Structures are given as C-alpha cells and as structure tokens.
Amino acid sequence: MLTEKEVDKLRKVISNFDVVEEDYEFYLLKRGNINKTDCAISKNSKKYILQKINNYVFKKPEKLIRNIKEKFGR
C-alpha cells in the first residue's frame, strides 16, 4: 500500500513523461534493495511501470540511463 506522500511523488514523476494527463491509480509492485517498482493505471486502462533507482547502489544513474537508451534505442 502506498502512502499519500508516495502517490503525490508518483503523480509528479509521471507528469514528466509524454503521456496524456489523466487520473491515475498507483500500485506498489515491488520494493527491493536495488529499486522500487510501481504501476500507474489510467482510467482508460493504460499501464505504466515506474522504477525508482537506488542511488546508493547506482552511484551514477545518468550512466545507467544512457546505457539503457543505447541498448534499447530510446
């Protein structure tokens, strides 16, 4: 279960992406040592996965993102 504070943070995070602004429901999928994974589901049943990276484990998250973009071409 997510707290109101966590839901507010997720609303801010999803607003940074090129998705239609809608009312979302947020669900915690997994909380681990390396990352936290949440799911956002829109009224139209579109699903988005949001992951928070542990910056203690990944000291330079910008390099991780660059590697993902190079690997998957985005």
Protein backbone atom coordinates (compact mmCIF):
# COMPACT_ATOMS: atom_id res chain seq x y z
CA MET A 1 0.00 0.00 0.00
CA LEU A 2 1.30 3.44 -0.91
CA THR A 3 1.13 6.47 1.34
CA GLU A 4 -0.38 9.77 0.17
CA LYS A 5 3.13 11.23 0.04
CA GLU A 6 4.31 8.39 -2.24
CA VAL A 7 1.29 8.84 -4.52
CA ASP A 8 1.96 12.59 -4.74
CA LYS A 9 5.57 11.89 -5.73
CA LEU A 10 4.45 9.39 -8.39
CA ARG A 11 1.99 11.94 -9.84
CA LYS A 12 4.89 14.39 -10.17
CA VAL A 13 7.11 11.73 -11.76
CA ILE A 14 4.56 10.65 -14.37
CA SER A 15 3.88 14.29 -15.30
CA ASN A 16 7.47 14.45 -16.63
CA PHE A 17 6.72 11.93 -19.37
CA ASP A 18 4.96 12.34 -22.68
CA VAL A 19 1.71 10.73 -21.58
CA VAL A 20 -1.78 12.13 -21.59
CA GLU A 21 -2.53 13.76 -18.27
CA GLU A 22 -5.17 11.63 -16.64
CA ASP A 23 -6.23 10.49 -13.25
CA TYR A 24 -4.07 7.50 -12.35
CA GLU A 25 -4.27 4.85 -9.71
CA PHE A 26 -0.89 3.83 -8.35
CA TYR A 27 0.11 0.43 -7.01
CA LEU A 28 3.30 -0.81 -5.45
CA LEU A 29 4.58 -3.81 -7.40
CA LYS A 30 7.85 -4.50 -5.61
CA ARG A 31 10.15 -2.85 -3.10
CA GLY A 32 13.67 -4.21 -3.04
CA ASN A 33 17.24 -3.26 -2.22
CA ILE A 34 18.08 -2.04 -5.72
CA ASN A 35 14.86 -0.38 -6.82
CA LYS A 36 11.20 0.24 -6.07
CA THR A 37 8.69 -0.61 -8.78
CA ASP A 38 5.25 0.97 -9.04
CA CYS A 39 2.46 0.71 -11.58
CA ALA A 40 0.29 3.60 -12.75
CA ILE A 41 -3.04 2.68 -14.35
CA SER A 42 -5.10 5.30 -16.17
CA LYS A 43 -8.90 5.49 -16.40
CA ASN A 44 -8.51 4.07 -19.93
CA SER A 45 -6.60 1.07 -18.50
CA LYS A 46 -3.22 2.17 -19.87
CA LYS A 47 -0.45 0.87 -17.64
CA TYR A 48 2.92 2.44 -16.95
CA ILE A 49 5.76 0.99 -14.90
CA LEU A 50 7.75 3.46 -12.79
CA GLN A 51 11.00 2.45 -11.12
CA LYS A 52 12.95 4.37 -8.54
CA ILE A 53 16.64 3.53 -8.74
CA ASN A 54 18.64 3.22 -5.52
CA ASN A 55 21.35 5.85 -5.96
CA TYR A 56 23.38 4.21 -3.19
CA VAL A 57 23.74 1.14 -5.42
CA PHE A 58 23.89 3.10 -8.70
CA LYS A 59 26.25 5.99 -7.92
CA LYS A 60 25.90 7.49 -11.42
CA PRO A 61 22.30 6.92 -12.53
CA GLU A 62 22.83 9.05 -15.65
CA LYS A 63 25.23 6.38 -16.94
CA LEU A 64 22.65 3.68 -16.27
CA ILE A 65 20.03 5.63 -18.22
CA ARG A 66 22.48 6.24 -21.08
CA ASN A 67 23.24 2.50 -21.24
CA ILE A 68 19.53 1.67 -21.34
CA LYS A 69 18.97 4.19 -24.13
CA GLU A 70 21.91 2.79 -26.13
CA LYS A 71 20.70 -0.78 -25.64
CA PHE A 72 17.05 -0.17 -26.48
CA GLY A 73 17.40 2.82 -28.82
CA ARG A 74 15.33 5.31 -26.87
